[in-house]
N, C-alpha and C. Protein backbone atom coordinates (compact mmCIF):
# COMPACT_ATOMS: atom_id res chain seq x y z
N MET A 1 -67.59 41.68 -20.77
CA MET A 1 -66.79 40.83 -19.93
C MET A 1 -67.67 40.06 -18.98
N ASP A 2 -67.12 38.93 -18.60
CA ASP A 2 -67.83 38.04 -17.68
C ASP A 2 -67.52 38.42 -16.25
N ASP A 3 -68.38 38.11 -15.34
CA ASP A 3 -68.14 38.43 -13.94
C ASP A 3 -67.41 37.32 -13.21
N ARG A 4 -67.03 36.23 -13.94
CA ARG A 4 -66.29 35.13 -13.31
C ARG A 4 -64.83 35.54 -13.11
N PRO A 5 -64.19 35.09 -12.00
CA PRO A 5 -62.78 35.39 -11.81
C PRO A 5 -61.91 34.54 -12.75
N GLY A 6 -60.72 35.02 -13.08
CA GLY A 6 -59.79 34.23 -13.90
C GLY A 6 -59.70 34.78 -15.31
N PRO A 7 -59.03 34.01 -16.20
CA PRO A 7 -58.83 34.49 -17.56
C PRO A 7 -60.15 34.57 -18.30
N GLN A 8 -60.29 35.63 -19.09
CA GLN A 8 -61.53 35.86 -19.81
C GLN A 8 -61.39 35.60 -21.30
N SER A 9 -60.23 35.17 -21.76
CA SER A 9 -60.05 34.97 -23.20
C SER A 9 -60.80 33.74 -23.69
N ARG A 10 -61.08 32.78 -22.80
CA ARG A 10 -61.84 31.60 -23.18
C ARG A 10 -63.03 31.47 -22.24
N PRO A 11 -64.07 32.18 -22.51
CA PRO A 11 -65.21 32.17 -21.59
C PRO A 11 -65.90 30.83 -21.54
N HIS A 12 -65.71 29.97 -22.54
CA HIS A 12 -66.38 28.66 -22.54
C HIS A 12 -65.68 27.65 -21.63
N VAL A 13 -64.43 27.94 -21.16
CA VAL A 13 -63.68 27.03 -20.30
C VAL A 13 -63.77 27.54 -18.88
N ARG A 14 -64.13 26.64 -18.00
CA ARG A 14 -64.22 27.03 -16.60
C ARG A 14 -62.82 27.02 -15.99
N VAL A 15 -62.52 27.97 -15.14
CA VAL A 15 -61.21 28.16 -14.57
C VAL A 15 -60.82 27.00 -13.67
N ASP A 16 -61.73 26.45 -12.89
CA ASP A 16 -61.39 25.35 -11.98
C ASP A 16 -61.06 24.07 -12.76
N SER A 17 -61.61 23.89 -14.00
CA SER A 17 -61.26 22.69 -14.77
C SER A 17 -59.83 22.80 -15.32
N VAL A 18 -59.36 24.02 -15.60
CA VAL A 18 -57.99 24.21 -16.06
C VAL A 18 -57.02 23.87 -14.94
N ARG A 19 -57.31 24.31 -13.74
CA ARG A 19 -56.45 23.99 -12.61
C ARG A 19 -56.41 22.49 -12.34
N ARG A 20 -57.51 21.81 -12.51
CA ARG A 20 -57.58 20.38 -12.27
C ARG A 20 -56.69 19.62 -13.27
N ARG A 21 -56.67 20.03 -14.52
CA ARG A 21 -55.83 19.38 -15.52
C ARG A 21 -54.34 19.60 -15.22
N ARG A 22 -53.96 20.73 -14.78
CA ARG A 22 -52.56 21.00 -14.46
C ARG A 22 -52.10 20.15 -13.29
N ARG A 23 -52.96 19.89 -12.36
CA ARG A 23 -52.61 19.13 -11.18
C ARG A 23 -52.26 17.68 -11.56
N TYR A 24 -52.87 17.09 -12.55
CA TYR A 24 -52.66 15.70 -12.91
C TYR A 24 -51.77 15.54 -14.14
N LEU A 25 -50.97 16.52 -14.45
CA LEU A 25 -50.11 16.49 -15.62
C LEU A 25 -49.05 15.38 -15.52
N GLY A 26 -48.56 15.06 -14.33
CA GLY A 26 -47.53 14.03 -14.16
C GLY A 26 -48.09 12.63 -14.09
N ALA A 27 -49.38 12.45 -14.11
CA ALA A 27 -49.99 11.12 -13.99
C ALA A 27 -49.57 10.18 -15.11
N PRO A 28 -49.51 10.59 -16.39
CA PRO A 28 -49.09 9.64 -17.43
C PRO A 28 -47.64 9.17 -17.23
N LEU A 29 -46.76 10.04 -16.77
CA LEU A 29 -45.37 9.65 -16.53
C LEU A 29 -45.27 8.63 -15.40
N ILE A 30 -46.02 8.85 -14.32
CA ILE A 30 -46.01 7.90 -13.20
C ILE A 30 -46.55 6.56 -13.66
N PHE A 31 -47.61 6.56 -14.45
CA PHE A 31 -48.18 5.32 -14.95
C PHE A 31 -47.18 4.59 -15.84
N PHE A 32 -46.49 5.31 -16.73
CA PHE A 32 -45.50 4.70 -17.62
C PHE A 32 -44.37 4.05 -16.83
N CYS A 33 -43.86 4.76 -15.82
CA CYS A 33 -42.78 4.21 -15.00
C CYS A 33 -43.22 2.98 -14.24
N ALA A 34 -44.45 2.97 -13.75
CA ALA A 34 -44.95 1.81 -13.01
C ALA A 34 -45.10 0.60 -13.92
N VAL A 35 -45.60 0.83 -15.13
CA VAL A 35 -45.79 -0.28 -16.07
C VAL A 35 -44.46 -0.85 -16.52
N CYS A 36 -43.49 -0.01 -16.77
CA CYS A 36 -42.17 -0.46 -17.25
C CYS A 36 -41.28 -0.98 -16.14
N GLY A 37 -41.68 -0.87 -14.91
CA GLY A 37 -40.87 -1.36 -13.81
C GLY A 37 -39.75 -0.42 -13.45
N LEU A 38 -39.90 0.84 -13.74
CA LEU A 38 -38.85 1.81 -13.47
C LEU A 38 -39.12 2.53 -12.15
N MET A 39 -39.57 1.79 -11.17
CA MET A 39 -39.89 2.39 -9.88
C MET A 39 -38.61 2.83 -9.18
N LEU A 40 -38.75 3.72 -8.27
CA LEU A 40 -37.61 4.19 -7.49
C LEU A 40 -37.01 3.04 -6.68
N PRO A 41 -35.70 3.03 -6.45
CA PRO A 41 -35.09 1.96 -5.65
C PRO A 41 -35.72 1.92 -4.27
N GLY A 42 -35.96 0.73 -3.81
CA GLY A 42 -36.55 0.56 -2.49
C GLY A 42 -38.05 0.33 -2.56
N LEU A 43 -38.70 0.69 -3.65
CA LEU A 43 -40.12 0.45 -3.80
C LEU A 43 -40.30 -0.89 -4.50
N ALA A 44 -41.36 -1.59 -4.15
CA ALA A 44 -41.61 -2.90 -4.75
C ALA A 44 -42.08 -2.71 -6.18
N SER A 45 -41.66 -3.61 -7.05
CA SER A 45 -42.07 -3.58 -8.43
C SER A 45 -43.53 -4.02 -8.53
N PRO A 46 -44.36 -3.35 -9.32
CA PRO A 46 -45.76 -3.74 -9.40
C PRO A 46 -45.97 -5.03 -10.19
N LEU A 47 -44.95 -5.49 -10.94
CA LEU A 47 -45.12 -6.68 -11.75
C LEU A 47 -44.62 -7.95 -11.08
N GLY A 48 -44.26 -7.89 -9.84
CA GLY A 48 -43.80 -9.09 -9.15
C GLY A 48 -42.69 -8.75 -8.20
N GLY A 49 -42.15 -9.77 -7.55
CA GLY A 49 -41.08 -9.58 -6.58
C GLY A 49 -39.74 -9.39 -7.25
N LYS A 50 -38.72 -9.40 -6.43
CA LYS A 50 -37.36 -9.24 -6.95
C LYS A 50 -36.96 -10.50 -7.72
N GLU A 51 -36.26 -10.27 -8.84
CA GLU A 51 -35.75 -11.39 -9.62
C GLU A 51 -34.34 -11.72 -9.17
N LYS A 52 -34.00 -13.00 -9.19
CA LYS A 52 -32.64 -13.40 -8.84
C LYS A 52 -31.72 -13.04 -10.00
N PRO A 53 -30.52 -12.56 -9.70
CA PRO A 53 -29.59 -12.24 -10.79
C PRO A 53 -29.15 -13.52 -11.50
N THR A 54 -28.95 -13.40 -12.79
CA THR A 54 -28.50 -14.53 -13.59
C THR A 54 -26.99 -14.63 -13.50
N THR A 55 -26.49 -15.82 -13.24
CA THR A 55 -25.06 -16.06 -13.14
C THR A 55 -24.61 -16.87 -14.35
N TYR A 56 -23.63 -16.34 -15.06
CA TYR A 56 -23.10 -17.03 -16.22
C TYR A 56 -21.72 -17.59 -15.87
N VAL A 57 -21.42 -18.76 -16.36
CA VAL A 57 -20.11 -19.37 -16.16
C VAL A 57 -19.42 -19.37 -17.52
N ILE A 58 -18.31 -18.66 -17.60
CA ILE A 58 -17.55 -18.59 -18.84
C ILE A 58 -16.31 -19.47 -18.66
N PRO A 59 -16.22 -20.57 -19.41
CA PRO A 59 -15.06 -21.44 -19.26
C PRO A 59 -13.80 -20.76 -19.80
N LEU A 60 -12.73 -20.84 -19.03
CA LEU A 60 -11.46 -20.27 -19.46
C LEU A 60 -10.73 -21.25 -20.37
N PRO A 61 -10.08 -20.75 -21.39
CA PRO A 61 -9.29 -21.64 -22.23
C PRO A 61 -8.07 -22.14 -21.44
N PRO A 62 -7.53 -23.28 -21.82
CA PRO A 62 -6.35 -23.77 -21.10
C PRO A 62 -5.18 -22.80 -21.30
N PRO A 63 -4.30 -22.72 -20.31
CA PRO A 63 -3.15 -21.82 -20.46
C PRO A 63 -2.25 -22.28 -21.60
N PRO A 64 -1.58 -21.35 -22.26
CA PRO A 64 -0.69 -21.74 -23.36
C PRO A 64 0.54 -22.49 -22.85
N ASP A 65 1.11 -23.29 -23.73
CA ASP A 65 2.29 -24.07 -23.39
C ASP A 65 3.53 -23.34 -23.91
N PHE A 66 4.21 -22.62 -23.01
CA PHE A 66 5.42 -21.90 -23.37
C PHE A 66 6.67 -22.72 -23.08
N SER A 67 6.54 -24.02 -22.90
CA SER A 67 7.69 -24.85 -22.49
C SER A 67 8.82 -24.84 -23.54
N GLN A 68 8.51 -24.66 -24.82
CA GLN A 68 9.54 -24.65 -25.87
C GLN A 68 10.43 -23.41 -25.78
N ILE A 69 9.90 -22.31 -25.26
CA ILE A 69 10.68 -21.06 -25.21
C ILE A 69 10.82 -20.56 -23.77
N ASP A 70 10.63 -21.45 -22.83
CA ASP A 70 10.72 -21.08 -21.41
C ASP A 70 12.12 -20.59 -21.04
N TRP A 71 13.13 -20.99 -21.78
CA TRP A 71 14.52 -20.59 -21.49
C TRP A 71 14.74 -19.09 -21.68
N LEU A 72 13.82 -18.40 -22.38
CA LEU A 72 13.96 -16.95 -22.59
C LEU A 72 13.69 -16.12 -21.34
N ILE A 73 12.97 -16.67 -20.38
CA ILE A 73 12.57 -15.92 -19.19
C ILE A 73 13.82 -15.43 -18.45
N GLY A 74 13.84 -14.13 -18.18
CA GLY A 74 14.97 -13.54 -17.45
C GLY A 74 15.45 -12.27 -18.12
N ASN A 75 16.55 -11.75 -17.63
CA ASN A 75 17.17 -10.53 -18.18
C ASN A 75 18.45 -10.90 -18.90
N TRP A 76 18.63 -10.36 -20.08
CA TRP A 76 19.79 -10.64 -20.92
C TRP A 76 20.39 -9.30 -21.34
N SER A 77 21.68 -9.26 -21.46
CA SER A 77 22.34 -8.05 -21.97
C SER A 77 23.60 -8.45 -22.74
N GLY A 78 23.95 -7.61 -23.69
CA GLY A 78 25.12 -7.92 -24.50
C GLY A 78 25.58 -6.70 -25.25
N ARG A 79 26.64 -6.90 -26.02
CA ARG A 79 27.23 -5.82 -26.82
C ARG A 79 27.38 -6.29 -28.25
N THR A 80 27.32 -5.34 -29.16
CA THR A 80 27.54 -5.69 -30.56
C THR A 80 29.02 -5.94 -30.79
N THR A 81 29.31 -6.85 -31.71
CA THR A 81 30.71 -7.16 -31.98
C THR A 81 31.15 -6.67 -33.35
N THR A 82 30.21 -6.32 -34.20
CA THR A 82 30.57 -5.94 -35.56
C THR A 82 30.74 -4.44 -35.72
N ARG A 83 30.47 -3.66 -34.70
CA ARG A 83 30.59 -2.20 -34.80
C ARG A 83 31.67 -1.71 -33.85
N ASP A 84 32.26 -0.62 -34.24
CA ASP A 84 33.21 0.02 -33.34
C ASP A 84 32.88 1.50 -33.32
N PRO A 85 32.48 2.14 -32.29
CA PRO A 85 32.36 1.63 -30.93
C PRO A 85 31.16 0.70 -30.78
N GLN A 86 31.24 -0.14 -29.77
CA GLN A 86 30.22 -1.17 -29.56
C GLN A 86 28.92 -0.57 -29.05
N GLY A 87 27.81 -1.20 -29.46
CA GLY A 87 26.49 -0.83 -28.98
C GLY A 87 26.04 -1.78 -27.90
N GLU A 88 24.99 -1.42 -27.18
CA GLU A 88 24.47 -2.27 -26.09
C GLU A 88 23.06 -2.74 -26.43
N ILE A 89 22.77 -3.97 -26.00
CA ILE A 89 21.46 -4.56 -26.19
C ILE A 89 21.03 -5.13 -24.84
N HIS A 90 19.83 -4.76 -24.40
CA HIS A 90 19.25 -5.31 -23.17
C HIS A 90 17.91 -5.94 -23.51
N PHE A 91 17.70 -7.18 -23.08
CA PHE A 91 16.49 -7.93 -23.39
C PHE A 91 15.95 -8.54 -22.11
N SER A 92 14.63 -8.54 -21.97
CA SER A 92 14.01 -9.22 -20.82
C SER A 92 12.73 -9.90 -21.28
N ALA A 93 12.42 -11.01 -20.64
CA ALA A 93 11.19 -11.76 -20.92
C ALA A 93 10.58 -12.17 -19.59
N VAL A 94 9.31 -11.89 -19.42
CA VAL A 94 8.60 -12.25 -18.19
C VAL A 94 7.21 -12.75 -18.57
N TYR A 95 6.65 -13.59 -17.70
CA TYR A 95 5.26 -14.01 -17.85
C TYR A 95 4.36 -12.94 -17.25
N ASP A 96 3.15 -12.83 -17.79
CA ASP A 96 2.18 -11.90 -17.24
C ASP A 96 0.79 -12.49 -17.38
N LEU A 97 -0.15 -11.93 -16.66
CA LEU A 97 -1.55 -12.36 -16.67
C LEU A 97 -1.70 -13.84 -16.37
N GLY A 98 -1.05 -14.26 -15.30
CA GLY A 98 -1.16 -15.66 -14.89
C GLY A 98 -0.56 -16.63 -15.88
N LYS A 99 0.55 -16.29 -16.47
CA LYS A 99 1.27 -17.10 -17.47
C LYS A 99 0.43 -17.34 -18.73
N ARG A 100 -0.46 -16.40 -19.05
CA ARG A 100 -1.24 -16.50 -20.29
C ARG A 100 -0.56 -15.75 -21.44
N VAL A 101 0.34 -14.82 -21.11
CA VAL A 101 1.12 -14.13 -22.13
C VAL A 101 2.55 -14.00 -21.63
N MET A 102 3.47 -13.83 -22.58
CA MET A 102 4.87 -13.54 -22.26
C MET A 102 5.17 -12.15 -22.81
N VAL A 103 5.72 -11.29 -21.96
CA VAL A 103 6.05 -9.93 -22.36
C VAL A 103 7.55 -9.85 -22.60
N LEU A 104 7.91 -9.43 -23.81
CA LEU A 104 9.32 -9.33 -24.20
C LEU A 104 9.65 -7.84 -24.37
N ARG A 105 10.80 -7.42 -23.86
CA ARG A 105 11.24 -6.03 -23.99
C ARG A 105 12.71 -6.02 -24.41
N GLU A 106 13.03 -5.07 -25.29
CA GLU A 106 14.42 -4.95 -25.73
C GLU A 106 14.75 -3.47 -25.94
N THR A 107 15.96 -3.11 -25.56
CA THR A 107 16.50 -1.77 -25.81
C THR A 107 17.81 -1.93 -26.55
N VAL A 108 17.91 -1.26 -27.68
CA VAL A 108 19.12 -1.30 -28.51
C VAL A 108 19.68 0.12 -28.54
N THR A 109 20.94 0.26 -28.14
CA THR A 109 21.62 1.55 -28.16
C THR A 109 22.90 1.40 -28.98
N LEU A 110 22.97 2.16 -30.06
CA LEU A 110 24.16 2.13 -30.91
C LEU A 110 24.71 3.56 -30.99
N PRO A 111 25.99 3.75 -30.70
CA PRO A 111 26.56 5.10 -30.75
C PRO A 111 26.70 5.58 -32.20
N ALA A 112 26.82 6.86 -32.34
CA ALA A 112 26.95 7.46 -33.67
C ALA A 112 28.34 7.20 -34.23
N LYS A 113 28.40 7.09 -35.55
CA LYS A 113 29.68 6.98 -36.27
C LYS A 113 29.77 8.19 -37.20
N GLU A 114 30.80 8.24 -37.94
CA GLU A 114 31.00 9.39 -38.84
C GLU A 114 29.86 9.52 -39.86
N THR A 115 29.38 8.41 -40.39
CA THR A 115 28.36 8.46 -41.44
C THR A 115 26.99 7.98 -40.98
N VAL A 116 26.88 7.50 -39.74
CA VAL A 116 25.61 6.95 -39.24
C VAL A 116 25.25 7.62 -37.93
N PRO A 117 23.99 8.09 -37.78
CA PRO A 117 23.59 8.71 -36.52
C PRO A 117 23.40 7.66 -35.42
N ALA A 118 23.37 8.12 -34.20
CA ALA A 118 23.15 7.23 -33.05
C ALA A 118 21.73 6.65 -33.11
N VAL A 119 21.60 5.44 -32.57
CA VAL A 119 20.30 4.76 -32.54
C VAL A 119 19.99 4.40 -31.10
N ASN A 120 18.76 4.70 -30.70
CA ASN A 120 18.29 4.30 -29.37
C ASN A 120 16.82 3.88 -29.57
N GLU A 121 16.60 2.59 -29.69
CA GLU A 121 15.27 2.08 -29.96
C GLU A 121 14.86 1.10 -28.87
N THR A 122 13.60 1.19 -28.49
CA THR A 122 13.03 0.27 -27.51
C THR A 122 11.79 -0.36 -28.14
N TRP A 123 11.62 -1.64 -27.90
CA TRP A 123 10.40 -2.28 -28.34
C TRP A 123 9.88 -3.21 -27.26
N MET A 124 8.58 -3.46 -27.34
CA MET A 124 7.93 -4.37 -26.40
C MET A 124 7.05 -5.31 -27.22
N GLY A 125 7.10 -6.58 -26.91
CA GLY A 125 6.28 -7.56 -27.60
C GLY A 125 5.44 -8.34 -26.63
N VAL A 126 4.24 -8.70 -27.06
CA VAL A 126 3.35 -9.54 -26.26
C VAL A 126 3.16 -10.84 -27.04
N LEU A 127 3.64 -11.92 -26.46
CA LEU A 127 3.56 -13.23 -27.09
C LEU A 127 2.39 -13.98 -26.47
N SER A 128 1.45 -14.41 -27.31
CA SER A 128 0.28 -15.13 -26.81
C SER A 128 0.01 -16.35 -27.67
N ASP A 129 -0.89 -17.17 -27.20
CA ASP A 129 -1.27 -18.39 -27.89
C ASP A 129 -2.05 -18.04 -29.16
N ALA A 130 -1.84 -18.78 -30.23
CA ALA A 130 -2.50 -18.53 -31.51
C ALA A 130 -3.70 -19.45 -31.68
N ARG A 131 -4.57 -19.48 -30.70
CA ARG A 131 -5.74 -20.37 -30.79
C ARG A 131 -6.63 -19.97 -31.94
N PRO A 132 -7.24 -20.86 -32.62
CA PRO A 132 -7.26 -22.31 -32.44
C PRO A 132 -6.11 -23.01 -33.15
N SER A 133 -5.33 -22.29 -33.94
CA SER A 133 -4.20 -22.92 -34.62
C SER A 133 -3.02 -23.08 -33.67
N PRO A 134 -2.12 -23.99 -33.95
CA PRO A 134 -0.95 -24.17 -33.07
C PRO A 134 0.04 -23.03 -33.25
N GLY A 135 0.86 -22.82 -32.24
CA GLY A 135 1.88 -21.79 -32.32
C GLY A 135 1.56 -20.57 -31.48
N PHE A 136 2.25 -19.48 -31.80
CA PHE A 136 2.12 -18.25 -31.01
C PHE A 136 1.91 -17.06 -31.94
N ILE A 137 1.41 -15.99 -31.36
CA ILE A 137 1.28 -14.70 -32.04
C ILE A 137 2.10 -13.69 -31.26
N LEU A 138 2.96 -12.94 -31.95
CA LEU A 138 3.77 -11.91 -31.32
C LEU A 138 3.33 -10.55 -31.87
N THR A 139 2.87 -9.68 -30.98
CA THR A 139 2.52 -8.31 -31.35
C THR A 139 3.60 -7.41 -30.78
N VAL A 140 4.25 -6.64 -31.65
CA VAL A 140 5.40 -5.83 -31.27
C VAL A 140 5.05 -4.35 -31.40
N TYR A 141 5.38 -3.59 -30.35
CA TYR A 141 5.20 -2.13 -30.31
C TYR A 141 6.58 -1.50 -30.19
N SER A 142 6.92 -0.61 -31.12
CA SER A 142 8.25 -0.01 -31.14
C SER A 142 8.19 1.46 -30.74
N SER A 143 9.28 1.94 -30.15
CA SER A 143 9.37 3.36 -29.78
C SER A 143 9.42 4.26 -31.01
N THR A 144 9.66 3.70 -32.17
CA THR A 144 9.66 4.48 -33.40
C THR A 144 8.25 4.64 -33.97
N GLY A 145 7.27 3.97 -33.35
CA GLY A 145 5.88 4.10 -33.77
C GLY A 145 5.34 2.92 -34.56
N PHE A 146 6.17 1.95 -34.87
CA PHE A 146 5.69 0.80 -35.63
C PHE A 146 5.01 -0.20 -34.71
N VAL A 147 3.95 -0.82 -35.24
CA VAL A 147 3.25 -1.92 -34.57
C VAL A 147 3.22 -3.05 -35.57
N SER A 148 3.71 -4.22 -35.16
CA SER A 148 3.77 -5.37 -36.06
C SER A 148 3.13 -6.57 -35.39
N ARG A 149 2.51 -7.40 -36.19
CA ARG A 149 1.96 -8.65 -35.66
C ARG A 149 2.56 -9.79 -36.47
N ILE A 150 3.25 -10.65 -35.76
CA ILE A 150 3.98 -11.75 -36.40
C ILE A 150 3.36 -13.06 -36.00
């Protein structure tokens, strides 16, 4: 055995050189972060000063023209005339998202008859512009689970 202090399994390695390597183990990580500009907030970047943020302007499309169906806006209700007992229908139409879409809602309630079960269905539709083609697109979501796009 050697009379030097420390581990004796590698007598060719000096103990103080092993300690020195352990002390600088984080140096490559610090160098990598400095080169990539990943410095801690508040510290100056080594590659230059602060960059100004880039501002993008996204032009909005013109609002859709709902003037042909503007008369639908409001709440409507009625009863069926072909069934006995009569069923009820409630319909509403409102603009949403700054008049960019029209939201349509309807509830249909039909009482049960001897041979037909009762019906209670609700649906909601979102009417939007069909850009770039003329017209509208109606996406309908039903309480029965159906989704339709017309």
